[in-house]
Amino acid sequence: MNDLIPEQAFFNFLKTRIGFIDGVIISGWEPTLQKDLYEFIVKVKEMWFLVKLDTNGRDPVLLERLISKKLVDYVAMDIKNPFTTYSKITWIEDDVTNYIKSSRILIDWTLNYELRTTVVKWYHDEEIIAQIWEDIKWAKKWFLQNFEDKNILKTWFDGKTFTVAELEKLKEVGEKYVEKCEIRK
């Protein structure tokens, strides 16, 4: 992996944590962009750690491979917007087929997972939440996370934070559609 910490230094450190921690969370930007992610996770699992993967769902082939080989114990996938208007939040005119496939893999598999949407005032409302549900029907867990106005890559982005009461209204909409809809604080 191309990162600031050499891989061997990471695994040497991880060895010192055996018995103190249960698992490793793999996140940051989009981990599935790392060409050697599969091999990296294999090494983590060989040390008997649990693995949680945070992903946007861009690589359903890798995701399904990791799940089928029992290399991930929990997956958290971001659902940015209804798939028909994904670029409104991502600003990328991407084919959303891979994101759809990844969400279906999680929903259809028995693996522990969560889908999560960071809700942004002026972009998400009750109608949008209902539309997202159309894309993730039958999901077990869906978390709504309030947007935080910090570390924004696009300085012109005009998103705002919801109040607690507004978040509760969005949660009420989400609860109609999934087994568990929660607000993540």
C-alpha atoms as a PDB file:
ATOM      1  CA  MET A   1       0.000   0.000   0.000  1.00  0.00           C
ATOM      2  CA  ASN A   2       1.217   3.514  -0.719  1.00  0.00           C
ATOM      3  CA  ASP A   3       0.921   5.302   2.584  1.00  0.00           C
ATOM      4  CA  LEU A   4       2.916   7.142   5.195  1.00  0.00           C
ATOM      5  CA  ILE A   5       3.606   4.090   7.352  1.00  0.00           C
ATOM      6  CA  PRO A   6       5.515   1.214   5.781  1.00  0.00           C
ATOM      7  CA  GLU A   7       3.404  -1.938   5.785  1.00  0.00           C
ATOM      8  CA  GLN A   8       5.914  -3.913   7.866  1.00  0.00           C
ATOM      9  CA  ALA A   9       5.923  -1.188  10.537  1.00  0.00           C
ATOM     10  CA  PHE A  10       2.125  -1.379  10.670  1.00  0.00           C
ATOM     11  CA  PHE A  11       2.143  -5.153  11.133  1.00  0.00           C
ATOM     12  CA  ASN A  12       4.936  -4.951  13.712  1.00  0.00           C
ATOM     13  CA  PHE A  13       2.787  -2.482  15.665  1.00  0.00           C
ATOM     14  CA  LEU A  14      -0.301  -4.675  15.219  1.00  0.00           C
ATOM     15  CA  LYS A  15       1.585  -7.614  16.751  1.00  0.00           C
ATOM     16  CA  THR A  16       2.056  -5.538  19.918  1.00  0.00           C
ATOM     17  CA  ARG A  17      -1.721  -5.010  20.103  1.00  0.00           C
ATOM     18  CA  ILE A  18      -2.677  -8.724  20.084  1.00  0.00           C
ATOM     19  CA  GLY A  19      -4.800  -9.308  23.164  1.00  0.00           C
ATOM     20  CA  PHE A  20      -5.508  -5.586  23.573  1.00  0.00           C
ATOM     21  CA  ILE A  21      -7.662  -4.878  20.546  1.00  0.00           C
ATOM     22  CA  ASP A  22     -10.165  -7.053  18.716  1.00  0.00           C
ATOM     23  CA  GLY A  23     -10.142  -5.588  15.262  1.00  0.00           C
ATOM     24  CA  VAL A  24      -8.925  -3.244  12.586  1.00  0.00           C
ATOM     25  CA  ILE A  25     -11.009  -0.675  10.735  1.00  0.00           C
ATOM     26  CA  ILE A  26      -9.964  -0.058   7.164  1.00  0.00           C
ATOM     27  CA  SER A  27     -11.183   3.342   6.042  1.00  0.00           C
ATOM     28  CA  GLY A  28     -10.051   6.659   4.696  1.00  0.00           C
ATOM     29  CA  TRP A  29     -10.902   8.185   1.361  1.00  0.00           C
ATOM     30  CA  GLU A  30     -11.793   4.938  -0.444  1.00  0.00           C
ATOM     31  CA  PRO A  31      -9.824   1.860   0.648  1.00  0.00           C
ATOM     32  CA  THR A  32     -10.827  -0.224  -2.379  1.00  0.00           C
ATOM     33  CA  LEU A  33      -8.651   2.054  -4.517  1.00  0.00           C
ATOM     34  CA  GLN A  34      -5.623   0.339  -2.945  1.00  0.00           C
ATOM     35  CA  LYS A  35      -4.446  -2.330  -5.373  1.00  0.00           C
ATOM     36  CA  ASP A  36      -3.218  -4.636  -2.612  1.00  0.00           C
ATOM     37  CA  LEU A  37      -6.185  -4.273  -0.244  1.00  0.00           C
ATOM     38  CA  TYR A  38      -7.170  -7.946  -0.530  1.00  0.00           C
ATOM     39  CA  GLU A  39      -3.672  -9.172   0.401  1.00  0.00           C
ATOM     40  CA  PHE A  40      -3.456  -6.596   3.197  1.00  0.00           C
ATOM     41  CA  ILE A  41      -6.713  -7.822   4.733  1.00  0.00           C
ATOM     42  CA  VAL A  42      -5.556 -11.446   4.417  1.00  0.00           C
ATOM     43  CA  LYS A  43      -2.513 -10.545   6.539  1.00  0.00           C
ATOM     44  CA  VAL A  44      -4.696  -8.823   9.151  1.00  0.00           C
ATOM     45  CA  LYS A  45      -7.041 -11.837   9.340  1.00  0.00           C
ATOM     46  CA  GLU A  46      -4.042 -14.211   9.668  1.00  0.00           C
ATOM     47  CA  MET A  47      -3.378 -12.381  12.940  1.00  0.00           C
ATOM     48  CA  TRP A  48      -6.945 -13.243  14.031  1.00  0.00           C
ATOM     49  CA  PHE A  49      -8.218  -9.665  14.098  1.00  0.00           C
ATOM     50  CA  LEU A  50     -11.748  -8.755  13.097  1.00  0.00           C
ATOM     51  CA  VAL A  51     -11.933  -6.461  10.065  1.00  0.00           C
ATOM     52  CA  LYS A  52     -14.374  -3.647   9.392  1.00  0.00           C
ATOM     53  CA  LEU A  53     -14.321  -2.058   5.946  1.00  0.00           C
ATOM     54  CA  ASP A  54     -15.672   1.440   5.282  1.00  0.00           C
ATOM     55  CA  THR A  55     -16.424   1.862   1.582  1.00  0.00           C
ATOM     56  CA  ASN A  56     -18.445   3.862  -0.888  1.00  0.00           C
ATOM     57  CA  GLY A  57     -19.202   0.659  -2.798  1.00  0.00           C
ATOM     58  CA  ARG A  58     -17.237   1.448  -5.954  1.00  0.00           C
ATOM     59  CA  ASP A  59     -15.821  -2.089  -6.298  1.00  0.00           C
ATOM     60  CA  PRO A  60     -18.512  -4.779  -5.927  1.00  0.00           C
ATOM     61  CA  VAL A  61     -16.217  -7.509  -7.285  1.00  0.00           C
ATOM     62  CA  LEU A  62     -13.664  -6.935  -4.539  1.00  0.00           C
ATOM     63  CA  LEU A  63     -16.401  -6.516  -1.938  1.00  0.00           C
ATOM     64  CA  GLU A  64     -18.029  -9.825  -2.857  1.00  0.00           C
ATOM     65  CA  ARG A  65     -14.638 -11.562  -2.895  1.00  0.00           C
ATOM     66  CA  LEU A  66     -13.795 -10.259   0.591  1.00  0.00           C
ATOM     67  CA  ILE A  67     -17.187 -11.316   1.929  1.00  0.00           C
ATOM     68  CA  SER A  68     -17.212 -14.756   0.300  1.00  0.00           C
ATOM     69  CA  LYS A  69     -13.727 -15.506   1.666  1.00  0.00           C
ATOM     70  CA  LYS A  70     -14.853 -14.321   5.137  1.00  0.00           C
ATOM     71  CA  LEU A  71     -12.155 -11.656   5.216  1.00  0.00           C
ATOM     72  CA  VAL A  72     -14.415  -8.872   6.473  1.00  0.00           C
ATOM     73  CA  ASP A  73     -16.598  -9.066   9.555  1.00  0.00           C
ATOM     74  CA  TYR A  74     -18.497  -5.816   9.096  1.00  0.00           C
ATOM     75  CA  VAL A  75     -18.948  -3.418   6.188  1.00  0.00           C
ATOM     76  CA  ALA A  76     -20.172   0.161   6.358  1.00  0.00           C
ATOM     77  CA  MET A  77     -21.203   1.557   2.985  1.00  0.00           C
ATOM     78  CA  ASP A  78     -22.031   5.162   2.246  1.00  0.00           C
ATOM     79  CA  ILE A  79     -25.206   5.829   0.276  1.00  0.00           C
ATOM     80  CA  LYS A  80     -24.743   9.431  -0.784  1.00  0.00           C
ATOM     81  CA  ASN A  81     -28.053  10.134  -2.508  1.00  0.00           C
ATOM     82  CA  PRO A  82     -30.655   8.333  -4.603  1.00  0.00           C
ATOM     83  CA  PHE A  83     -28.685   6.500  -7.283  1.00  0.00           C
ATOM     84  CA  THR A  84     -30.501   8.451  -9.994  1.00  0.00           C
ATOM     85  CA  THR A  85     -29.022  11.705  -8.649  1.00  0.00           C
ATOM     86  CA  TYR A  86     -25.762  10.455  -7.134  1.00  0.00           C
ATOM     87  CA  SER A  87     -23.632  13.087  -8.844  1.00  0.00           C
ATOM     88  CA  LYS A  88     -25.499  15.876  -7.045  1.00  0.00           C
ATOM     89  CA  ILE A  89     -23.553  14.939  -3.908  1.00  0.00           C
ATOM     90  CA  THR A  90     -20.455  13.252  -5.344  1.00  0.00           C
ATOM     91  CA  TRP A  91     -19.897  15.724  -8.208  1.00  0.00           C
ATOM     92  CA  ILE A  92     -18.726  12.781 -10.289  1.00  0.00           C
ATOM     93  CA  GLU A  93     -20.624  11.783 -13.415  1.00  0.00           C
ATOM     94  CA  ASP A  94     -19.983   8.124 -12.722  1.00  0.00           C
ATOM     95  CA  ASP A  95     -21.955   5.099 -13.767  1.00  0.00           C
ATOM     96  CA  VAL A  96     -23.673   4.117 -10.505  1.00  0.00           C
ATOM     97  CA  THR A  97     -24.011   0.440 -11.432  1.00  0.00           C
ATOM     98  CA  ASN A  98     -21.166  -0.595  -9.117  1.00  0.00           C
ATOM     99  CA  TYR A  99     -22.677   1.266  -6.161  1.00  0.00           C
ATOM    100  CA  ILE A 100     -26.022  -0.406  -6.768  1.00  0.00           C
ATOM    101  CA  LYS A 101     -24.373  -3.843  -7.019  1.00  0.00           C
ATOM    102  CA  SER A 102     -22.447  -3.295  -3.791  1.00  0.00           C
ATOM    103  CA  SER A 103     -25.550  -2.257  -1.871  1.00  0.00           C
ATOM    104  CA  ARG A 104     -27.385  -5.366  -3.156  1.00  0.00           C
ATOM    105  CA  ILE A 105     -24.469  -7.602  -2.152  1.00  0.00           C
ATOM    106  CA  LEU A 106     -24.647  -6.288   1.407  1.00  0.00           C
ATOM    107  CA  ILE A 107     -28.414  -6.468   1.635  1.00  0.00           C
ATOM    108  CA  ASP A 108     -28.531 -10.000   0.241  1.00  0.00           C
ATOM    109  CA  TRP A 109     -25.577 -11.403   2.224  1.00  0.00           C
ATOM    110  CA  THR A 110     -25.769 -12.504   5.868  1.00  0.00           C
ATOM    111  CA  LEU A 111     -22.743 -10.411   6.823  1.00  0.00           C
ATOM    112  CA  ASN A 112     -23.102  -7.686   9.446  1.00  0.00           C
ATOM    113  CA  TYR A 113     -23.278  -4.369   7.644  1.00  0.00           C
ATOM    114  CA  GLU A 114     -24.687  -0.900   7.744  1.00  0.00           C
ATOM    115  CA  LEU A 115     -25.672   1.566   5.110  1.00  0.00           C
ATOM    116  CA  ARG A 116     -25.233   5.181   6.026  1.00  0.00           C
ATOM    117  CA  THR A 117     -26.124   8.515   4.548  1.00  0.00           C
ATOM    118  CA  THR A 118     -24.523  11.749   5.583  1.00  0.00           C
ATOM    119  CA  VAL A 119     -27.475  14.109   5.340  1.00  0.00           C
ATOM    120  CA  VAL A 120     -26.870  17.657   4.189  1.00  0.00           C
ATOM    121  CA  LYS A 121     -29.420  20.453   4.507  1.00  0.00           C
ATOM    122  CA  TRP A 122     -30.501  21.760   1.093  1.00  0.00           C
ATOM    123  CA  TYR A 123     -29.562  18.415  -0.503  1.00  0.00           C
ATOM    124  CA  HIS A 124     -31.512  15.896   1.567  1.00  0.00           C
ATOM    125  CA  ASP A 125     -35.122  16.145   2.658  1.00  0.00           C
ATOM    126  CA  GLU A 126     -37.959  13.724   3.438  1.00  0.00           C
ATOM    127  CA  GLU A 127     -38.583  13.081  -0.258  1.00  0.00           C
ATOM    128  CA  ILE A 128     -34.910  12.316  -0.919  1.00  0.00           C
ATOM    129  CA  ILE A 129     -34.791   9.971   2.087  1.00  0.00           C
ATOM    130  CA  ALA A 130     -37.799   8.092   0.669  1.00  0.00           C
ATOM    131  CA  GLN A 131     -36.070   7.919  -2.735  1.00  0.00           C
ATOM    132  CA  ILE A 132     -32.891   6.527  -1.171  1.00  0.00           C
ATOM    133  CA  TRP A 133     -35.013   3.865   0.468  1.00  0.00           C
ATOM    134  CA  GLU A 134     -36.193   2.800  -2.982  1.00  0.00           C
ATOM    135  CA  ASP A 135     -32.553   2.024  -3.733  1.00  0.00           C
ATOM    136  CA  ILE A 136     -31.868   0.117  -0.518  1.00  0.00           C
ATOM    137  CA  LYS A 137     -35.101  -1.782   0.051  1.00  0.00           C
ATOM    138  CA  TRP A 138     -34.819  -4.543   2.619  1.00  0.00           C
ATOM    139  CA  ALA A 139     -31.718  -3.124   4.282  1.00  0.00           C
ATOM    140  CA  LYS A 140     -31.350  -4.090   7.925  1.00  0.00           C
ATOM    141  CA  LYS A 141     -29.492  -1.029   9.228  1.00  0.00           C
ATOM    142  CA  TRP A 142     -29.433   2.479   7.869  1.00  0.00           C
ATOM    143  CA  PHE A 143     -27.771   5.295   9.749  1.00  0.00           C
ATOM    144  CA  LEU A 144     -28.329   8.973   9.086  1.00  0.00           C
ATOM    145  CA  GLN A 145     -25.281  11.069   9.930  1.00  0.00           C
ATOM    146  CA  ASN A 146     -25.466  14.826  10.209  1.00  0.00           C
ATOM    147  CA  PHE A 147     -23.189  16.772   7.881  1.00  0.00           C
ATOM    148  CA  GLU A 148     -20.321  18.574   9.610  1.00  0.00           C
ATOM    149  CA  ASP A 149     -19.003  21.725   8.014  1.00  0.00           C
ATOM    150  CA  LYS A 150     -15.288  20.931   8.296  1.00  0.00           C
ATOM    151  CA  ASN A 151     -12.550  19.634   6.034  1.00  0.00           C
ATOM    152  CA  ILE A 152     -14.617  20.303   2.924  1.00  0.00           C
ATOM    153  CA  LEU A 153     -12.699  19.655  -0.291  1.00  0.00           C
ATOM    154  CA  LYS A 154     -14.927  21.956  -2.350  1.00  0.00           C
ATOM    155  CA  THR A 155     -14.775  25.400  -0.745  1.00  0.00           C
ATOM    156  CA  TRP A 156     -17.894  26.508  -2.626  1.00  0.00           C
ATOM    157  CA  PHE A 157     -20.005  23.674  -1.170  1.00  0.00           C
ATOM    158  CA  ASP A 158     -23.050  25.246   0.474  1.00  0.00           C
ATOM    159  CA  GLY A 159     -24.304  22.345   2.596  1.00  0.00           C
ATOM    160  CA  LYS A 160     -25.587  23.002   6.095  1.00  0.00           C
ATOM    161  CA  THR A 161     -26.160  20.952   9.241  1.00  0.00           C
ATOM    162  CA  PHE A 162     -29.632  19.785  10.300  1.00  0.00           C
ATOM    163  CA  THR A 163     -31.046  20.569  13.733  1.00  0.00           C
ATOM    164  CA  VAL A 164     -31.800  17.629  16.032  1.00  0.00           C
ATOM    165  CA  ALA A 165     -35.547  18.062  15.403  1.00  0.00           C
ATOM    166  CA  GLU A 166     -35.021  18.056  11.623  1.00  0.00           C
ATOM    167  CA  LEU A 167     -32.902  14.913  11.867  1.00  0.00           C
ATOM    168  CA  GLU A 168     -35.628  13.210  13.886  1.00  0.00           C
ATOM    169  CA  LYS A 169     -38.127  13.938  11.085  1.00  0.00           C
ATOM    170  CA  LEU A 170     -35.792  12.365   8.523  1.00  0.00           C
ATOM    171  CA  LYS A 171     -35.335   9.368  10.816  1.00  0.00           C
ATOM    172  CA  GLU A 172     -39.116   8.945  11.047  1.00  0.00           C
ATOM    173  CA  VAL A 173     -39.251   8.713   7.253  1.00  0.00           C
ATOM    174  CA  GLY A 174     -36.388   6.203   7.184  1.00  0.00           C
ATOM    175  CA  GLU A 175     -37.961   4.064   9.919  1.00  0.00           C
ATOM    176  CA  LYS A 176     -40.943   3.401   7.671  1.00  0.00           C
ATOM    177  CA  TYR A 177     -38.702   1.569   5.256  1.00  0.00           C
ATOM    178  CA  VAL A 178     -35.889  -0.320   6.987  1.00  0.00           C
ATOM    179  CA  GLU A 179     -35.606  -2.642   9.943  1.00  0.00           C
ATOM    180  CA  LYS A 180     -33.457  -0.146  11.863  1.00  0.00           C
ATOM    181  CA  CYS A 181     -32.950   3.536  11.038  1.00  0.00           C
ATOM    182  CA  GLU A 182     -30.873   5.486  13.533  1.00  0.00           C
ATOM    183  CA  ILE A 183     -29.252   8.865  13.834  1.00  0.00           C
ATOM    184  CA  ARG A 184     -25.520   8.640  14.337  1.00  0.00           C
ATOM    185  CA  LYS A 185     -24.258  11.402  16.556  1.00  0.00           C
END
